[in-house]
Amino acid sequence: MAWDEWEQLKAGALARRQNGMRLDSAADAGGTGVAGAPDMKTNKAGNDVAVKALQGEIPQDTDKAGRHADESTSAAVREFSGWDTGSGLKDAHAEWELQVKNLKARLGQDKAALEGSHQHLQYVDYGVGSRTAQIDAGRRQGREV
């Protein structure tokens, strides 16, 4: 990596860090946060599309790819039976099956997380609002000027 490129990467990282979260100011009237940064929002329509894909086509395609590998590998294992190649393919296929199973489990977890994310963020928002409403902004004690 060239020195100039390294300096550019460092400057970019510093710029991103300086635009970090700030808790000491409220959003302006336009609905944006500090320095025009947008408020955090969820994309309900995009979330629903992702959940639908994780319920339908993605698991189906994963199953299809897994079955294709099953058929091809089984045929190759039969062709090379008695050879080290055959036993190596069998071991590799067992690992492939485990990886497909793990991927399907992870996809299920992602689907569940996406399904609950909108509701979870609403509960967090309501919780912060209710705690903020309890703050007494009355007169300060002490010397008045």
N, C-alpha and C. Protein backbone atom coordinates (compact mmCIF):
# COMPACT_ATOMS: atom_id res chain seq x y z
N MET A 1 0.86 -1.17 0.00
CA MET A 1 0.00 0.00 0.00
C MET A 1 0.91 1.23 0.00
N ALA A 2 0.61 2.17 -0.86
CA ALA A 2 1.40 3.38 -0.96
C ALA A 2 1.12 4.31 0.22
N TRP A 3 2.11 5.14 0.54
CA TRP A 3 1.97 6.04 1.68
C TRP A 3 0.79 6.99 1.49
N ASP A 4 0.61 7.53 0.27
CA ASP A 4 -0.49 8.45 0.00
C ASP A 4 -1.85 7.79 0.25
N GLU A 5 -1.95 6.55 -0.17
CA GLU A 5 -3.21 5.83 0.03
C GLU A 5 -3.48 5.65 1.52
N TRP A 6 -2.44 5.33 2.29
CA TRP A 6 -2.58 5.17 3.73
C TRP A 6 -3.05 6.47 4.37
N GLU A 7 -2.47 7.60 3.95
CA GLU A 7 -2.86 8.89 4.50
C GLU A 7 -4.33 9.21 4.16
N GLN A 8 -4.77 8.85 2.97
CA GLN A 8 -6.16 9.07 2.58
C GLN A 8 -7.10 8.23 3.44
N LEU A 9 -6.73 6.98 3.69
CA LEU A 9 -7.56 6.11 4.53
C LEU A 9 -7.65 6.66 5.95
N LYS A 10 -6.54 7.13 6.49
CA LYS A 10 -6.56 7.70 7.84
C LYS A 10 -7.43 8.94 7.89
N ALA A 11 -7.32 9.81 6.88
CA ALA A 11 -8.13 11.03 6.86
C ALA A 11 -9.61 10.69 6.74
N GLY A 12 -9.96 9.68 5.95
CA GLY A 12 -11.35 9.25 5.81
C GLY A 12 -11.91 8.70 7.10
N ALA A 13 -11.10 7.91 7.81
CA ALA A 13 -11.53 7.35 9.09
C ALA A 13 -11.74 8.45 10.12
N LEU A 14 -10.85 9.43 10.14
CA LEU A 14 -10.99 10.54 11.07
C LEU A 14 -12.26 11.35 10.78
N ALA A 15 -12.56 11.56 9.50
CA ALA A 15 -13.76 12.32 9.13
C ALA A 15 -15.02 11.57 9.55
N ARG A 16 -15.03 10.26 9.38
CA ARG A 16 -16.20 9.48 9.79
C ARG A 16 -16.35 9.52 11.30
N ARG A 17 -15.26 9.49 12.03
CA ARG A 17 -15.31 9.51 13.48
C ARG A 17 -15.81 10.84 14.01
N GLN A 18 -15.48 11.91 13.34
CA GLN A 18 -15.91 13.23 13.77
C GLN A 18 -17.40 13.45 13.54
N ASN A 19 -18.02 12.68 12.67
CA ASN A 19 -19.44 12.79 12.41
C ASN A 19 -20.23 11.79 13.24
N GLY A 20 -19.69 11.35 14.37
CA GLY A 20 -20.31 10.33 15.20
C GLY A 20 -21.54 10.83 15.93
N MET A 21 -22.06 10.00 16.81
CA MET A 21 -23.27 10.31 17.55
C MET A 21 -23.03 11.43 18.55
N ARG A 22 -24.03 12.29 18.66
CA ARG A 22 -24.00 13.34 19.66
C ARG A 22 -25.30 13.29 20.43
N LEU A 23 -25.19 13.37 21.74
CA LEU A 23 -26.37 13.28 22.58
C LEU A 23 -26.77 14.62 23.18
N ASP A 24 -26.04 15.67 22.85
CA ASP A 24 -26.30 16.94 23.51
C ASP A 24 -27.11 17.92 22.68
N SER A 25 -27.83 17.46 21.68
CA SER A 25 -28.67 18.37 20.92
C SER A 25 -29.85 17.62 20.34
N ALA A 26 -30.90 18.37 20.08
CA ALA A 26 -32.12 17.77 19.53
C ALA A 26 -32.15 17.96 18.02
N ALA A 27 -33.04 17.25 17.38
CA ALA A 27 -33.20 17.38 15.95
C ALA A 27 -33.73 18.76 15.61
N ASP A 28 -33.35 19.26 14.44
CA ASP A 28 -33.89 20.55 14.02
C ASP A 28 -35.30 20.37 13.48
N ALA A 29 -35.92 21.46 13.06
CA ALA A 29 -37.32 21.43 12.63
C ALA A 29 -37.52 20.56 11.39
N GLY A 30 -36.48 20.34 10.61
CA GLY A 30 -36.60 19.54 9.39
C GLY A 30 -36.56 18.04 9.64
N GLY A 31 -36.46 17.63 10.91
CA GLY A 31 -36.47 16.21 11.23
C GLY A 31 -35.12 15.55 11.07
N THR A 32 -34.06 16.35 11.10
CA THR A 32 -32.73 15.77 11.01
C THR A 32 -31.99 16.05 12.29
N GLY A 33 -30.97 15.28 12.52
CA GLY A 33 -30.19 15.42 13.73
C GLY A 33 -29.10 16.47 13.58
N VAL A 34 -28.03 16.29 14.28
CA VAL A 34 -26.92 17.22 14.30
C VAL A 34 -26.32 17.35 12.90
N ALA A 35 -26.04 18.55 12.50
CA ALA A 35 -25.37 18.86 11.23
C ALA A 35 -26.09 18.26 10.04
N GLY A 36 -27.41 18.19 10.10
CA GLY A 36 -28.18 17.72 8.96
C GLY A 36 -28.21 16.21 8.79
N ALA A 37 -27.65 15.46 9.73
CA ALA A 37 -27.68 14.00 9.64
C ALA A 37 -29.11 13.52 9.87
N PRO A 38 -29.59 12.56 9.10
CA PRO A 38 -30.97 12.11 9.26
C PRO A 38 -31.19 11.36 10.58
N ASP A 39 -32.40 11.47 11.10
CA ASP A 39 -32.76 10.70 12.28
C ASP A 39 -32.81 9.22 11.92
N MET A 40 -32.66 8.36 12.93
CA MET A 40 -32.73 6.93 12.69
C MET A 40 -34.18 6.55 12.40
N LYS A 41 -34.38 5.83 11.32
CA LYS A 41 -35.72 5.38 10.94
C LYS A 41 -35.63 3.94 10.46
N THR A 42 -36.76 3.27 10.48
CA THR A 42 -36.81 1.93 9.91
C THR A 42 -37.51 2.00 8.57
N ASN A 43 -37.15 1.07 7.71
CA ASN A 43 -37.77 0.97 6.40
C ASN A 43 -38.69 -0.24 6.43
N LYS A 44 -39.93 -0.01 6.85
CA LYS A 44 -40.88 -1.11 7.03
C LYS A 44 -41.10 -1.89 5.74
N ALA A 45 -41.23 -1.19 4.61
CA ALA A 45 -41.45 -1.88 3.33
C ALA A 45 -40.25 -2.74 2.96
N GLY A 46 -39.05 -2.19 3.11
CA GLY A 46 -37.84 -2.96 2.81
C GLY A 46 -37.67 -4.14 3.74
N ASN A 47 -38.02 -3.93 5.01
CA ASN A 47 -37.96 -5.00 6.00
C ASN A 47 -38.91 -6.13 5.61
N ASP A 48 -40.13 -5.77 5.20
CA ASP A 48 -41.11 -6.78 4.82
C ASP A 48 -40.66 -7.57 3.60
N VAL A 49 -40.02 -6.89 2.63
CA VAL A 49 -39.51 -7.57 1.44
C VAL A 49 -38.40 -8.56 1.83
N ALA A 50 -37.52 -8.14 2.74
CA ALA A 50 -36.44 -9.02 3.19
C ALA A 50 -37.00 -10.24 3.92
N VAL A 51 -37.99 -10.04 4.79
CA VAL A 51 -38.59 -11.16 5.51
C VAL A 51 -39.25 -12.12 4.53
N LYS A 52 -39.96 -11.58 3.54
CA LYS A 52 -40.61 -12.43 2.54
C LYS A 52 -39.57 -13.26 1.78
N ALA A 53 -38.45 -12.65 1.42
CA ALA A 53 -37.39 -13.38 0.72
C ALA A 53 -36.80 -14.47 1.61
N LEU A 54 -36.66 -14.17 2.91
CA LEU A 54 -36.11 -15.16 3.83
C LEU A 54 -37.11 -16.27 4.15
N GLN A 55 -38.39 -16.04 3.87
CA GLN A 55 -39.39 -17.08 4.06
C GLN A 55 -39.52 -17.96 2.81
N GLY A 56 -39.23 -17.40 1.65
CA GLY A 56 -39.51 -18.11 0.41
C GLY A 56 -38.30 -18.46 -0.40
N GLU A 57 -37.88 -17.55 -1.27
CA GLU A 57 -36.90 -17.90 -2.29
C GLU A 57 -35.51 -18.22 -1.76
N ILE A 58 -35.06 -17.55 -0.73
CA ILE A 58 -33.69 -17.81 -0.25
C ILE A 58 -33.55 -19.22 0.33
N PRO A 59 -34.44 -19.66 1.23
CA PRO A 59 -34.32 -21.04 1.72
C PRO A 59 -34.53 -22.08 0.60
N GLN A 60 -35.44 -21.78 -0.32
CA GLN A 60 -35.67 -22.71 -1.43
C GLN A 60 -34.43 -22.84 -2.30
N ASP A 61 -33.79 -21.71 -2.60
CA ASP A 61 -32.56 -21.74 -3.39
C ASP A 61 -31.43 -22.43 -2.64
N THR A 62 -31.39 -22.24 -1.34
CA THR A 62 -30.36 -22.90 -0.52
C THR A 62 -30.57 -24.42 -0.56
N ASP A 63 -31.82 -24.86 -0.41
CA ASP A 63 -32.13 -26.28 -0.50
C ASP A 63 -31.76 -26.84 -1.88
N LYS A 64 -32.09 -26.08 -2.91
CA LYS A 64 -31.81 -26.51 -4.29
C LYS A 64 -30.30 -26.67 -4.50
N ALA A 65 -29.52 -25.70 -4.03
CA ALA A 65 -28.06 -25.79 -4.17
C ALA A 65 -27.52 -26.97 -3.36
N GLY A 66 -28.08 -27.18 -2.18
CA GLY A 66 -27.64 -28.31 -1.36
C GLY A 66 -27.94 -29.64 -2.02
N ARG A 67 -29.15 -29.77 -2.62
CA ARG A 67 -29.50 -31.03 -3.31
C ARG A 67 -28.62 -31.26 -4.53
N HIS A 68 -28.31 -30.19 -5.25
CA HIS A 68 -27.46 -30.32 -6.44
C HIS A 68 -26.09 -30.87 -6.03
N ALA A 69 -25.54 -30.34 -4.96
CA ALA A 69 -24.25 -30.82 -4.47
C ALA A 69 -24.37 -32.25 -3.98
N ASP A 70 -25.49 -32.61 -3.35
CA ASP A 70 -25.70 -33.98 -2.88
C ASP A 70 -25.62 -34.96 -4.04
N GLU A 71 -26.36 -34.66 -5.11
CA GLU A 71 -26.41 -35.56 -6.26
C GLU A 71 -25.05 -35.68 -6.94
N SER A 72 -24.39 -34.56 -7.19
CA SER A 72 -23.10 -34.57 -7.87
C SER A 72 -22.04 -35.28 -7.05
N THR A 73 -22.00 -34.97 -5.76
CA THR A 73 -20.98 -35.56 -4.90
C THR A 73 -21.22 -37.05 -4.70
N SER A 74 -22.47 -37.45 -4.55
CA SER A 74 -22.77 -38.87 -4.39
C SER A 74 -22.30 -39.67 -5.60
N ALA A 75 -22.53 -39.11 -6.78
CA ALA A 75 -22.08 -39.79 -8.00
C ALA A 75 -20.56 -39.88 -8.04
N ALA A 76 -19.86 -38.81 -7.66
CA ALA A 76 -18.40 -38.82 -7.66
C ALA A 76 -17.85 -39.79 -6.61
N VAL A 77 -18.49 -39.84 -5.44
CA VAL A 77 -18.04 -40.77 -4.40
C VAL A 77 -18.17 -42.22 -4.89
N ARG A 78 -19.26 -42.54 -5.60
CA ARG A 78 -19.43 -43.90 -6.15
C ARG A 78 -18.35 -44.21 -7.19
N GLU A 79 -18.02 -43.24 -8.03
CA GLU A 79 -17.01 -43.44 -9.07
C GLU A 79 -15.62 -43.69 -8.47
N PHE A 80 -15.34 -43.03 -7.36
CA PHE A 80 -14.02 -43.13 -6.76
C PHE A 80 -14.01 -44.02 -5.51
N SER A 81 -14.99 -44.89 -5.37
CA SER A 81 -15.03 -45.74 -4.18
C SER A 81 -13.78 -46.62 -4.16
N GLY A 82 -13.23 -46.78 -2.96
CA GLY A 82 -12.01 -47.56 -2.81
C GLY A 82 -10.75 -46.72 -2.97
N TRP A 83 -10.88 -45.51 -3.41
CA TRP A 83 -9.74 -44.62 -3.56
C TRP A 83 -9.78 -43.59 -2.43
N ASP A 84 -8.63 -42.98 -2.15
CA ASP A 84 -8.59 -41.92 -1.15
C ASP A 84 -9.44 -40.72 -1.60
N THR A 85 -9.52 -40.52 -2.92
CA THR A 85 -10.34 -39.42 -3.45
C THR A 85 -11.80 -39.59 -3.04
N GLY A 86 -12.30 -40.82 -3.10
CA GLY A 86 -13.68 -41.09 -2.74
C GLY A 86 -13.96 -40.78 -1.28
N SER A 87 -13.06 -41.22 -0.40
CA SER A 87 -13.28 -40.93 1.03
C SER A 87 -13.10 -39.45 1.32
N GLY A 88 -12.19 -38.78 0.60
CA GLY A 88 -12.01 -37.34 0.77
C GLY A 88 -13.26 -36.58 0.34
N LEU A 89 -13.85 -37.00 -0.80
CA LEU A 89 -15.08 -36.37 -1.26
C LEU A 89 -16.22 -36.59 -0.28
N LYS A 90 -16.26 -37.77 0.31
CA LYS A 90 -17.31 -38.07 1.28
C LYS A 90 -17.18 -37.17 2.52
N ASP A 91 -15.94 -36.98 2.98
CA ASP A 91 -15.70 -36.09 4.12
C ASP A 91 -16.05 -34.64 3.77
N ALA A 92 -15.65 -34.22 2.57
CA ALA A 92 -15.96 -32.85 2.14
C ALA A 92 -17.46 -32.65 2.03
N HIS A 93 -18.17 -33.67 1.56
CA HIS A 93 -19.61 -33.55 1.43
C HIS A 93 -20.29 -33.49 2.79
N ALA A 94 -19.78 -34.22 3.76
CA ALA A 94 -20.34 -34.15 5.12
C ALA A 94 -20.17 -32.73 5.67
N GLU A 95 -19.03 -32.11 5.40
CA GLU A 95 -18.81 -30.73 5.84
C GLU A 95 -19.76 -29.79 5.11
N TRP A 96 -19.96 -30.03 3.82
CA TRP A 96 -20.89 -29.21 3.02
C TRP A 96 -22.30 -29.28 3.61
N GLU A 97 -22.76 -30.48 3.94
CA GLU A 97 -24.09 -30.64 4.53
C GLU A 97 -24.21 -29.87 5.85
N LEU A 98 -23.15 -29.92 6.65
CA LEU A 98 -23.15 -29.19 7.92
C LEU A 98 -23.23 -27.68 7.66
N GLN A 99 -22.48 -27.20 6.67
CA GLN A 99 -22.49 -25.77 6.36
C GLN A 99 -23.87 -25.32 5.85
N VAL A 100 -24.50 -26.15 5.01
CA VAL A 100 -25.84 -25.82 4.51
C VAL A 100 -26.83 -25.76 5.68
N LYS A 101 -26.73 -26.72 6.58
CA LYS A 101 -27.61 -26.74 7.76
C LYS A 101 -27.40 -25.48 8.61
N ASN A 102 -26.13 -25.11 8.83
CA ASN A 102 -25.83 -23.91 9.62
C ASN A 102 -26.33 -22.65 8.92
N LEU A 103 -26.17 -22.59 7.59
CA LEU A 103 -26.64 -21.43 6.84
C LEU A 103 -28.16 -21.30 6.96
N LYS A 104 -28.88 -22.40 6.83
CA LYS A 104 -30.33 -22.35 6.94
C LYS A 104 -30.76 -21.90 8.35
N ALA A 105 -30.05 -22.36 9.37
CA ALA A 105 -30.36 -21.92 10.73
C ALA A 105 -30.11 -20.42 10.88
N ARG A 106 -29.02 -19.94 10.32
CA ARG A 106 -28.70 -18.51 10.41
C ARG A 106 -29.74 -17.68 9.66
N LEU A 107 -30.18 -18.16 8.50
CA LEU A 107 -31.21 -17.45 7.75
C LEU A 107 -32.50 -17.36 8.56
N GLY A 108 -32.82 -18.44 9.27
CA GLY A 108 -34.00 -18.43 10.13
C GLY A 108 -33.87 -17.41 11.26
N GLN A 109 -32.68 -17.31 11.84
CA GLN A 109 -32.44 -16.33 12.89
C GLN A 109 -32.55 -14.90 12.34
N ASP A 110 -32.01 -14.69 11.15
CA ASP A 110 -32.09 -13.37 10.54
C ASP A 110 -33.54 -12.99 10.25
N LYS A 111 -34.32 -13.95 9.78
CA LYS A 111 -35.73 -13.69 9.50
C LYS A 111 -36.46 -13.29 10.79
N ALA A 112 -36.21 -14.03 11.85
CA ALA A 112 -36.86 -13.73 13.13
C ALA A 112 -36.44 -12.36 13.65
N ALA A 113 -35.16 -12.02 13.50
CA ALA A 113 -34.68 -10.72 13.96
C ALA A 113 -35.31 -9.59 13.15
N LEU A 114 -35.42 -9.77 11.85
CA LEU A 114 -36.05 -8.74 11.02
C LEU A 114 -37.53 -8.58 11.35
N GLU A 115 -38.19 -9.70 11.61
CA GLU A 115 -39.62 -9.63 11.95
C GLU A 115 -39.84 -8.84 13.24
N GLY A 116 -38.92 -8.94 14.18
CA GLY A 116 -39.09 -8.25 15.45
C GLY A 116 -38.45 -6.89 15.53
N SER A 117 -37.65 -6.51 14.53
CA SER A 117 -36.87 -5.27 14.65
C SER A 117 -37.75 -4.02 14.69
N HIS A 118 -38.76 -3.94 13.87
CA HIS A 118 -39.61 -2.75 13.84
C HIS A 118 -40.30 -2.56 15.19
N GLN A 119 -40.86 -3.64 15.70
CA GLN A 119 -41.56 -3.58 16.98
C GLN A 119 -40.57 -3.26 18.11
N HIS A 120 -39.39 -3.86 18.06
CA HIS A 120 -38.39 -3.61 19.10
C HIS A 120 -37.99 -2.14 19.13
N LEU A 121 -37.75 -1.56 17.96
CA LEU A 121 -37.38 -0.15 17.91
C LEU A 121 -38.51 0.75 18.40
N GLN A 122 -39.75 0.36 18.14
CA GLN A 122 -40.87 1.14 18.66
C GLN A 122 -40.89 1.10 20.18
N TYR A 123 -40.66 -0.08 20.76
CA TYR A 123 -40.66 -0.19 22.22
C TYR A 123 -39.53 0.64 22.82
N VAL A 124 -38.36 0.63 22.20
CA VAL A 124 -37.25 1.45 22.68
C VAL A 124 -37.63 2.92 22.62
N ASP A 125 -38.23 3.32 21.51
CA ASP A 125 -38.63 4.72 21.34
C ASP A 125 -39.65 5.12 22.40
N TYR A 126 -40.65 4.28 22.63
CA TYR A 126 -41.66 4.57 23.66
C TYR A 126 -41.02 4.63 25.05
N GLY A 127 -40.08 3.74 25.32
CA GLY A 127 -39.41 3.73 26.62
C GLY A 127 -38.61 4.99 26.86
N VAL A 128 -37.85 5.42 25.85
CA VAL A 128 -37.09 6.65 25.99
C VAL A 128 -38.03 7.83 26.18
N GLY A 129 -39.12 7.85 25.42
CA GLY A 129 -40.10 8.94 25.55
C GLY A 129 -40.71 9.00 26.92
N SER A 130 -41.05 7.84 27.48
CA SER A 130 -41.69 7.85 28.80
C SER A 130 -40.70 8.26 29.89
N ARG A 131 -39.44 7.83 29.77
CA ARG A 131 -38.44 8.24 30.77
C ARG A 131 -38.14 9.73 30.64
N THR A 132 -38.12 10.24 29.43
CA THR A 132 -37.86 11.66 29.21
C THR A 132 -39.01 12.50 29.77
N ALA A 133 -40.23 12.01 29.64
CA ALA A 133 -41.40 12.74 30.13
C ALA A 133 -41.38 12.86 31.66
N GLN A 134 -40.66 11.98 32.32
CA GLN A 134 -40.61 12.01 33.79
C GLN A 134 -39.62 13.03 34.32
N ILE A 135 -38.80 13.60 33.47
CA ILE A 135 -37.81 14.58 33.91
C ILE A 135 -38.52 15.86 34.30
N ASP A 136 -38.23 16.35 35.47
CA ASP A 136 -38.83 17.59 35.95
C ASP A 136 -37.95 18.76 35.51
N ALA A 137 -38.46 19.57 34.64
CA ALA A 137 -37.70 20.71 34.14
C ALA A 137 -38.11 21.97 34.87
N GLY A 138 -38.48 21.84 36.11
CA GLY A 138 -38.92 22.98 36.90
C GLY A 138 -37.77 23.91 37.24
N ARG A 139 -38.05 24.82 38.18
CA ARG A 139 -37.05 25.81 38.56
C ARG A 139 -35.83 25.15 39.17
N ARG A 140 -34.69 25.72 38.90
CA ARG A 140 -33.45 25.23 39.50
C ARG A 140 -33.31 25.78 40.90
N GLN A 141 -32.79 24.97 41.76
CA GLN A 141 -32.53 25.45 43.11
C GLN A 141 -31.23 26.23 43.10
N GLY A 142 -31.13 27.15 44.01
CA GLY A 142 -29.90 27.91 44.09
C GLY A 142 -30.17 29.38 43.89
N ARG A 143 -29.17 30.11 43.62
CA ARG A 143 -29.23 31.55 43.50
C ARG A 143 -29.92 31.97 42.23
N GLU A 144 -30.80 32.92 42.33
CA GLU A 144 -31.41 33.48 41.13
C GLU A 144 -30.73 34.79 40.82
N VAL A 145 -30.60 35.06 39.56
CA VAL A 145 -29.92 36.28 39.14
C VAL A 145 -30.93 37.32 38.75
